[in-house]
Amino acid sequence: MSKAVAVVGMCGSGKSVLCGYFKNLGWSEVYFGGVTVSQLKKQGIEVNEANERAMREGLRDKHGNGAFAILLKEEICQKLQNGNVVLDGLYSWSEYKILKELLGKDLIVLAVVTNNQIRKDRLKNRTVRPLTSEQVDSRDIAEIENSEKGGPIAKADYYVTNNGTEQELHAQFEQFMKWFNAQ
């Protein structure tokens, strides 16, 4: 059976880069943040950090902290019928539990961790939706306290550290793939 790898980590840790590596291998992707952005656009609301947070939290108020797993469950299962899937943006412990119950051993959680100041520097300099240091701190606190983000990171099956170059991250990804293929 196909497997789903959920890439988890704090904002700016390198989740999107890792997800890109999976896509380069031909894996399908389910982008959890896409739900937030599509809902904002659908409602004619500007896509920015404050509106994204409000939308994420609003969806969780409506559907519970497992909102994104609930909203994406069908898409994930459909894509798994055609091969392995990378999940970009699993946030909450509730989402983790829903997907773990649904997929069991076919859900692998890959956490990417990065020193706080390195994340802040990356986020300040990124071209899409750059964030100030204060915005990063605010987002981190909101995600940890309101979105249960720490649980899936703490419970990950495999960890990579992304404090260096992209080449170093890719080398760790290759080590992960060796581990994954040996499962």
Protein backbone atom coordinates (compact mmCIF):
# COMPACT_ATOMS: atom_id res chain seq x y z
CA MET A 1 0.00 0.00 0.00
CA SER A 2 1.05 3.56 -0.57
CA LYS A 3 2.18 5.70 2.33
CA ALA A 4 1.65 9.29 3.38
CA VAL A 5 4.56 11.27 4.78
CA ALA A 6 3.45 14.28 6.79
CA VAL A 7 6.19 16.92 6.87
CA VAL A 8 5.87 18.93 10.09
CA GLY A 9 7.81 21.80 11.61
CA MET A 10 7.55 25.42 12.57
CA CYS A 11 7.16 28.17 9.98
CA GLY A 12 10.44 28.73 8.14
CA SER A 13 11.95 25.38 9.08
CA GLY A 14 12.07 24.09 5.51
CA LYS A 15 8.87 22.07 5.14
CA SER A 16 8.16 23.36 1.63
CA VAL A 17 11.70 22.56 0.49
CA LEU A 18 11.38 19.00 1.77
CA CYS A 19 7.97 18.63 0.16
CA GLY A 20 9.54 19.74 -3.11
CA TYR A 21 12.00 16.87 -2.88
CA PHE A 22 9.12 14.40 -2.56
CA LYS A 23 7.32 15.97 -5.53
CA ASN A 24 10.54 15.68 -7.57
CA LEU A 25 10.36 11.93 -6.89
CA GLY A 26 6.85 11.88 -8.37
CA TRP A 27 4.89 11.89 -5.13
CA SER A 28 1.49 13.59 -5.01
CA GLU A 29 1.12 16.48 -2.57
CA VAL A 30 -1.68 17.58 -0.30
CA TYR A 31 -1.01 21.14 0.89
CA PHE A 32 -2.93 21.85 4.09
CA GLY A 33 -2.34 25.61 3.79
CA GLY A 34 -4.13 25.56 0.47
CA VAL A 35 -7.43 25.24 2.33
CA THR A 36 -6.76 28.51 4.14
CA VAL A 37 -5.68 30.41 1.04
CA SER A 38 -8.54 29.09 -1.10
CA GLN A 39 -11.10 30.02 1.57
CA LEU A 40 -9.67 33.56 1.80
CA LYS A 41 -9.79 33.98 -1.98
CA LYS A 42 -13.27 32.48 -2.17
CA GLN A 43 -14.48 35.05 0.36
CA GLY A 44 -12.60 37.92 -1.34
CA ILE A 45 -10.31 38.48 1.64
CA GLU A 46 -6.69 39.59 1.18
CA VAL A 47 -4.13 36.82 1.69
CA ASN A 48 -1.81 37.98 4.47
CA GLU A 49 -0.50 36.68 7.79
CA ALA A 50 -3.29 38.15 9.94
CA ASN A 51 -6.08 36.97 7.64
CA GLU A 52 -4.52 33.53 7.25
CA ARG A 53 -4.34 33.14 11.03
CA ALA A 54 -7.94 34.29 11.44
CA MET A 55 -9.09 31.86 8.72
CA ARG A 56 -7.10 28.93 10.17
CA GLU A 57 -8.49 29.58 13.62
CA GLY A 58 -12.00 30.15 12.23
CA LEU A 59 -11.92 26.80 10.43
CA ARG A 60 -10.76 25.16 13.64
CA ASP A 61 -13.52 26.89 15.61
CA LYS A 62 -16.04 25.49 13.13
CA HIS A 63 -14.62 21.96 12.66
CA GLY A 64 -12.40 21.52 15.74
CA ASN A 65 -8.61 21.29 15.87
CA GLY A 66 -8.72 18.41 13.41
CA ALA A 67 -10.30 20.68 10.78
CA PHE A 68 -7.73 20.34 8.03
CA ALA A 69 -7.48 16.56 8.32
CA ILE A 70 -11.27 16.37 8.20
CA LEU A 71 -11.47 18.70 5.18
CA LEU A 72 -8.64 16.92 3.32
CA LYS A 73 -9.27 13.29 4.30
CA GLU A 74 -11.02 12.42 1.05
CA GLU A 75 -8.33 14.04 -1.12
CA ILE A 76 -5.59 12.23 0.80
CA CYS A 77 -7.28 8.85 0.37
CA GLN A 78 -7.89 9.46 -3.33
CA LYS A 79 -4.26 10.38 -3.97
CA LEU A 80 -3.00 7.39 -1.95
CA GLN A 81 -4.77 5.11 -4.44
CA ASN A 82 -2.26 6.28 -7.06
CA GLY A 83 0.94 6.18 -5.01
CA ASN A 84 2.77 7.81 -2.13
CA VAL A 85 1.63 11.22 -0.91
CA VAL A 86 3.46 14.00 0.91
CA LEU A 87 1.34 16.00 3.34
CA ASP A 88 2.55 19.60 3.62
CA GLY A 89 1.28 21.36 6.69
CA LEU A 90 -0.19 18.88 9.14
CA TYR A 91 -0.35 21.15 12.19
CA SER A 92 -2.37 19.93 15.09
CA TRP A 93 -2.31 16.96 17.41
CA SER A 94 -6.00 16.46 16.55
CA GLU A 95 -5.17 16.28 12.83
CA TYR A 96 -2.39 13.82 13.60
CA LYS A 97 -4.78 11.59 15.58
CA ILE A 98 -7.42 11.67 12.82
CA LEU A 99 -4.90 10.74 10.14
CA LYS A 100 -3.20 8.13 12.34
CA GLU A 101 -6.57 6.48 12.93
CA LEU A 102 -7.34 6.65 9.20
CA LEU A 103 -3.94 5.51 7.88
CA GLY A 104 -2.31 3.65 10.77
CA LYS A 105 1.22 2.52 9.96
CA ASP A 106 0.88 4.06 6.49
CA LEU A 107 1.28 7.55 8.03
CA ILE A 108 4.90 8.57 8.61
CA VAL A 109 5.67 11.89 10.29
CA LEU A 110 8.88 13.63 9.22
CA ALA A 111 9.79 16.63 11.38
CA VAL A 112 12.17 19.34 10.22
CA VAL A 113 13.64 21.43 13.02
CA THR A 114 15.61 24.64 12.69
CA ASN A 115 17.14 27.02 15.21
CA ASN A 116 14.78 29.90 15.96
CA GLN A 117 17.03 32.74 14.73
CA ILE A 118 17.76 30.92 11.48
CA ARG A 119 14.00 30.53 10.88
CA LYS A 120 13.47 34.23 11.58
CA ASP A 121 16.22 35.22 9.15
CA ARG A 122 14.78 32.99 6.44
CA LEU A 123 11.26 34.29 6.93
CA LYS A 124 12.40 37.91 6.89
CA ASN A 125 14.14 37.36 3.56
CA ARG A 126 11.65 35.14 1.74
CA THR A 127 9.98 36.62 -1.32
CA VAL A 128 6.48 35.28 -0.66
CA ARG A 129 4.81 36.53 2.53
CA PRO A 130 7.94 37.69 4.40
CA LEU A 131 7.56 38.01 8.18
CA THR A 132 9.21 40.22 10.76
CA SER A 133 10.78 38.71 13.87
CA GLU A 134 7.76 39.84 15.90
CA GLN A 135 5.36 38.25 13.41
CA VAL A 136 7.30 34.98 13.62
CA ASP A 137 7.10 35.00 17.42
CA SER A 138 3.40 35.82 17.32
CA ARG A 139 2.72 33.08 14.78
CA ASP A 140 4.77 30.53 16.73
CA ILE A 141 2.86 31.24 19.93
CA ALA A 142 -0.50 31.13 18.16
CA GLU A 143 0.35 27.85 16.44
CA ILE A 144 1.63 26.21 19.62
CA GLU A 145 -1.14 27.44 21.90
CA ASN A 146 -4.14 27.53 19.54
CA SER A 147 -3.31 24.89 16.95
CA GLU A 148 -1.64 22.13 19.02
CA LYS A 149 1.32 22.31 16.63
CA GLY A 150 3.91 20.87 19.02
CA GLY A 151 2.37 17.39 19.30
CA PRO A 152 3.08 16.09 15.79
CA ILE A 153 6.60 17.54 15.93
CA ALA A 154 7.24 15.84 19.28
CA LYS A 155 5.78 12.53 18.06
CA ALA A 156 7.55 12.43 14.67
CA ASP A 157 8.87 9.15 13.32
CA TYR A 158 12.00 10.78 11.88
CA TYR A 159 13.80 14.14 12.35
CA VAL A 160 15.99 16.24 10.12
CA THR A 161 17.79 19.39 11.23
CA ASN A 162 17.85 22.28 8.78
CA ASN A 163 20.35 24.81 10.08
CA GLY A 164 22.69 24.68 7.10
CA THR A 165 22.62 24.71 3.34
CA GLU A 166 20.01 23.26 1.06
CA GLN A 167 22.58 20.67 -0.02
CA GLU A 168 22.91 19.56 3.61
CA LEU A 169 19.13 19.33 3.91
CA HIS A 170 18.95 17.29 0.71
CA ALA A 171 21.58 14.88 2.08
CA GLN A 172 19.40 14.38 5.17
CA PHE A 173 16.38 13.85 2.92
CA GLU A 174 18.30 11.10 1.10
CA GLN A 175 19.05 9.48 4.48
CA PHE A 176 15.35 9.68 5.34
CA MET A 177 14.46 8.02 2.03
CA LYS A 178 16.85 5.14 2.78
CA TRP A 179 15.16 4.73 6.17
CA PHE A 180 11.68 5.05 4.58
CA ASN A 181 12.41 2.46 1.90
CA ALA A 182 13.70 0.04 4.55
CA GLN A 183 10.38 0.18 6.46
